[in-house]
Amino acid sequence: VLRAIDIGVRHPTACLWGAVDEESNVWIYREYEEVNPIHETHAEAISTLSEEPVYRSFISPDARRKGGLATQDGSPNLCALDIYRRSGLYATPAADQVSPGIATVARYFRATISDSDQHPKLMISKNCLKLRTSLLNYVWSDPRVYKELDAAERPRKYHDDLMDALRYLLSSRPVHTPVWYEEETDYEPREPKRGIQGLATVPY
């Protein structure tokens, strides 16, 4: 199970959960999207929804940016990544190259449509209604909005939070990784170590 989070303050914070099967197909089966400037609230909600062990989490790269973030106790100079980690949710900043990320997502959709054996498939649960709506409304922005000559193509910033989470998750190039989880007494992040029969063990 992988998890990807797109943080927001004025925009919604969004999260997607994806299971990777033995053929490295990705099954998106749960979504979260809420507007709230308090990051602890989102971290607690996402942790509560995560009923199963999560192998790895990804978060918006700008979660490392300090300043201007609301916290419940008013702690100064914390970035969103610090706040999530303090709440017990550890995540890696995701790759955020927009155009390559969109191309990666597109390859998953093409493989799904053509039933190609050359690329893993993407499956989206019918329960992920907000993600499905976001997919239908994800379009290129009109370059005239930016008033630039030869303006770069970029997606319209409208209901794109779950789409960004999907891009973060798929840009990690998920592959099926068999793991076994050992009992953890502390939940401090640490490097994966080698387990029985060469399988990686990671904290969750």
Protein backbone atom coordinates (compact mmCIF):
# COMPACT_ATOMS: atom_id res chain seq x y z
CA VAL A 1 0.00 0.00 0.00
CA LEU A 2 1.26 3.47 -0.96
CA ARG A 3 -0.18 6.82 0.04
CA ALA A 4 0.21 10.26 -1.58
CA ILE A 5 -0.73 13.59 0.00
CA ASP A 6 -1.19 16.98 -1.64
CA ILE A 7 -1.21 19.61 1.11
CA GLY A 8 -3.32 22.75 1.01
CA VAL A 9 -4.10 25.73 3.21
CA ARG A 10 -6.61 27.73 1.16
CA HIS A 11 -7.01 24.80 -1.24
CA PRO A 12 -8.13 21.34 -0.06
CA THR A 13 -5.65 18.83 1.30
CA ALA A 14 -6.01 15.60 -0.67
CA CYS A 15 -4.80 12.06 -0.15
CA LEU A 16 -5.01 8.86 -2.18
CA TRP A 17 -4.27 5.27 -1.17
CA GLY A 18 -3.06 2.82 -3.82
CA ALA A 19 -2.39 -0.91 -3.54
CA VAL A 20 0.25 -2.42 -5.84
CA ASP A 21 -0.37 -6.01 -6.90
CA GLU A 22 2.14 -8.66 -7.96
CA GLU A 23 2.09 -7.39 -11.56
CA SER A 24 2.72 -3.82 -10.31
CA ASN A 25 -0.77 -2.69 -11.30
CA VAL A 26 -1.96 0.18 -9.09
CA TRP A 27 -5.41 0.02 -7.48
CA ILE A 28 -6.63 3.39 -6.14
CA TYR A 29 -9.18 2.43 -3.49
CA ARG A 30 -9.54 5.30 -1.01
CA GLU A 31 -9.58 9.10 -1.17
CA TYR A 32 -9.58 12.04 1.22
CA GLU A 33 -10.18 15.70 0.35
CA GLU A 34 -10.97 18.38 2.92
CA VAL A 35 -10.44 22.14 3.33
CA ASN A 36 -8.83 23.06 6.66
CA PRO A 37 -5.75 25.21 7.37
CA ILE A 38 -4.75 23.07 10.37
CA HIS A 39 -2.30 20.41 9.19
CA GLU A 40 -2.61 18.32 12.39
CA THR A 41 -6.29 17.84 11.57
CA HIS A 42 -5.45 16.38 8.16
CA ALA A 43 -2.62 14.22 9.53
CA GLU A 44 -4.91 12.73 12.18
CA ALA A 45 -7.73 12.12 9.68
CA ILE A 46 -5.40 10.48 7.14
CA SER A 47 -3.81 8.31 9.83
CA THR A 48 -7.26 7.22 11.06
CA LEU A 49 -8.36 6.30 7.53
CA SER A 50 -5.21 4.21 7.03
CA GLU A 51 -6.59 0.98 8.44
CA GLU A 52 -3.79 -1.13 6.91
CA PRO A 53 0.03 -0.84 7.09
CA VAL A 54 1.34 1.71 4.59
CA TYR A 55 4.62 0.79 2.93
CA ARG A 56 5.52 4.35 1.90
CA SER A 57 3.95 7.83 1.81
CA PHE A 58 4.66 10.76 -0.50
CA ILE A 59 3.80 14.40 0.11
CA SER A 60 3.88 17.69 -1.82
CA PRO A 61 7.47 18.96 -2.22
CA ASP A 62 6.40 22.38 -0.92
CA ALA A 63 5.61 20.70 2.42
CA ARG A 64 9.26 21.54 3.23
CA ARG A 65 8.56 25.28 2.95
CA LYS A 66 8.56 27.02 6.34
CA GLY A 67 6.40 29.88 7.51
CA GLY A 68 2.77 30.90 7.27
CA LEU A 69 1.32 27.56 8.35
CA ALA A 70 -1.34 27.19 11.01
CA THR A 71 -0.74 24.81 13.89
CA GLN A 72 -2.99 23.93 16.81
CA ASP A 73 -0.46 25.04 19.43
CA GLY A 74 0.94 28.01 17.51
CA SER A 75 4.43 26.50 17.13
CA PRO A 76 6.61 28.89 15.09
CA ASN A 77 8.74 28.18 12.04
CA LEU A 78 7.45 24.70 11.27
CA CYS A 79 6.97 23.40 7.77
CA ALA A 80 4.05 21.12 6.90
CA LEU A 81 6.43 18.14 6.73
CA ASP A 82 7.47 18.82 10.36
CA ILE A 83 3.83 19.05 11.44
CA TYR A 84 2.88 15.76 9.75
CA ARG A 85 5.90 13.99 11.24
CA ARG A 86 5.11 15.38 14.68
CA SER A 87 1.64 13.89 14.25
CA GLY A 88 3.19 10.48 13.52
CA LEU A 89 2.75 10.52 9.73
CA TYR A 90 6.10 10.18 7.95
CA ALA A 91 6.27 11.00 4.24
CA THR A 92 8.86 11.56 1.52
CA PRO A 93 8.66 14.72 -0.62
CA ALA A 94 7.38 13.60 -4.02
CA ALA A 95 8.78 14.32 -7.47
CA ASP A 96 7.07 17.47 -8.71
CA GLN A 97 7.99 17.82 -12.38
CA VAL A 98 4.49 18.52 -13.68
CA SER A 99 4.80 17.68 -17.40
CA PRO A 100 6.78 14.41 -16.90
CA GLY A 101 4.35 13.49 -14.11
CA ILE A 102 1.33 14.01 -16.36
CA ALA A 103 3.03 11.92 -19.05
CA THR A 104 3.55 9.12 -16.51
CA VAL A 105 -0.13 9.17 -15.51
CA ALA A 106 -1.11 9.18 -19.20
CA ARG A 107 0.96 6.03 -19.81
CA TYR A 108 -1.03 4.23 -17.10
CA PHE A 109 -4.29 5.28 -18.73
CA ARG A 110 -3.15 4.24 -22.20
CA ALA A 111 -2.10 0.84 -20.88
CA THR A 112 -5.50 0.43 -19.21
CA ILE A 113 -7.41 1.35 -22.36
CA SER A 114 -5.32 -0.75 -24.75
CA ASP A 115 -4.86 -3.67 -22.32
CA SER A 116 -1.16 -3.51 -23.14
CA ASP A 117 1.15 -6.03 -21.49
CA GLN A 118 4.02 -3.55 -21.76
CA HIS A 119 2.97 -1.33 -18.86
CA PRO A 120 1.21 -1.76 -15.47
CA LYS A 121 -2.47 -0.83 -15.32
CA LEU A 122 -4.30 1.77 -13.24
CA MET A 123 -7.57 0.80 -11.55
CA ILE A 124 -9.77 3.32 -9.72
CA SER A 125 -12.48 2.24 -7.29
CA LYS A 126 -16.02 3.38 -8.00
CA ASN A 127 -16.00 4.68 -4.40
CA CYS A 128 -13.45 7.38 -5.32
CA LEU A 129 -16.11 9.76 -6.62
CA LYS A 130 -14.13 12.98 -6.07
CA LEU A 131 -11.12 11.62 -7.95
CA ARG A 132 -13.31 10.53 -10.86
CA THR A 133 -14.88 14.01 -10.99
CA SER A 134 -11.43 15.61 -10.87
CA LEU A 135 -10.29 13.45 -13.79
CA LEU A 136 -13.16 14.69 -15.93
CA ASN A 137 -12.39 18.34 -15.09
CA TYR A 138 -8.58 18.20 -15.48
CA VAL A 139 -7.79 20.31 -18.55
CA TRP A 140 -5.00 22.49 -19.91
CA SER A 141 -5.14 26.13 -18.89
CA ASP A 142 -5.70 28.82 -21.51
CA PRO A 143 -2.23 30.40 -22.11
CA ARG A 144 -3.89 33.79 -22.51
CA VAL A 145 -4.56 33.74 -18.77
CA TYR A 146 -0.82 34.12 -18.12
CA LYS A 147 -0.38 36.87 -20.76
CA GLU A 148 2.90 35.35 -21.88
CA LEU A 149 4.25 34.68 -25.32
CA ASP A 150 4.92 30.97 -25.81
CA ALA A 151 3.53 30.26 -22.34
CA ALA A 152 4.31 26.77 -21.06
CA GLU A 153 1.44 24.31 -21.07
CA ARG A 154 0.14 23.81 -17.57
CA PRO A 155 -3.02 22.29 -16.11
CA ARG A 156 -5.79 24.58 -14.90
CA LYS A 157 -5.69 25.10 -11.13
CA TYR A 158 -9.22 23.87 -10.52
CA HIS A 159 -10.12 20.74 -8.55
CA ASP A 160 -6.60 19.47 -9.20
CA ASP A 161 -5.65 18.46 -5.64
CA LEU A 162 -6.51 14.77 -5.99
CA MET A 163 -4.94 14.83 -9.44
CA ASP A 164 -1.70 16.10 -7.93
CA ALA A 165 -1.84 13.29 -5.36
CA LEU A 166 -2.34 10.77 -8.18
CA ARG A 167 0.64 12.25 -10.04
CA TYR A 168 2.83 12.01 -6.91
CA LEU A 169 1.86 8.39 -6.37
CA LEU A 170 2.39 7.22 -9.95
CA SER A 171 5.57 9.29 -10.42
CA SER A 172 7.15 7.14 -7.71
CA ARG A 173 7.06 4.31 -10.32
CA PRO A 174 5.44 1.87 -7.88
CA VAL A 175 6.40 -1.78 -8.15
CA HIS A 176 5.22 -4.70 -6.07
CA THR A 177 7.56 -5.13 -3.10
CA PRO A 178 7.00 -8.12 -0.81
CA VAL A 179 7.61 -7.05 2.79
CA TRP A 180 7.05 -8.38 6.23
CA TYR A 181 6.42 -6.01 9.14
CA GLU A 182 8.00 -6.46 12.51
CA GLU A 183 6.41 -5.26 15.72
CA GLU A 184 7.46 -1.68 16.41
CA THR A 185 7.76 -0.33 19.95
CA ASP A 186 8.86 3.14 18.81
CA TYR A 187 7.77 4.83 15.64
CA GLU A 188 10.88 6.85 14.90
CA PRO A 189 11.71 6.85 11.16
CA ARG A 190 14.78 4.83 10.23
CA GLU A 191 16.39 3.30 7.22
CA PRO A 192 14.92 0.02 5.90
CA LYS A 193 16.97 -3.02 6.86
CA ARG A 194 17.25 -6.43 5.27
CA GLY A 195 14.96 -9.08 6.68
CA ILE A 196 14.44 -12.78 6.26
CA GLN A 197 15.12 -14.18 2.79
CA GLY A 198 16.37 -10.78 1.65
CA LEU A 199 13.00 -9.04 2.08
CA ALA A 200 13.07 -5.42 3.19
CA THR A 201 11.50 -4.54 6.54
CA VAL A 202 10.27 -1.01 7.07
CA PRO A 203 8.50 0.82 9.91
CA TYR A 204 4.95 2.00 9.31
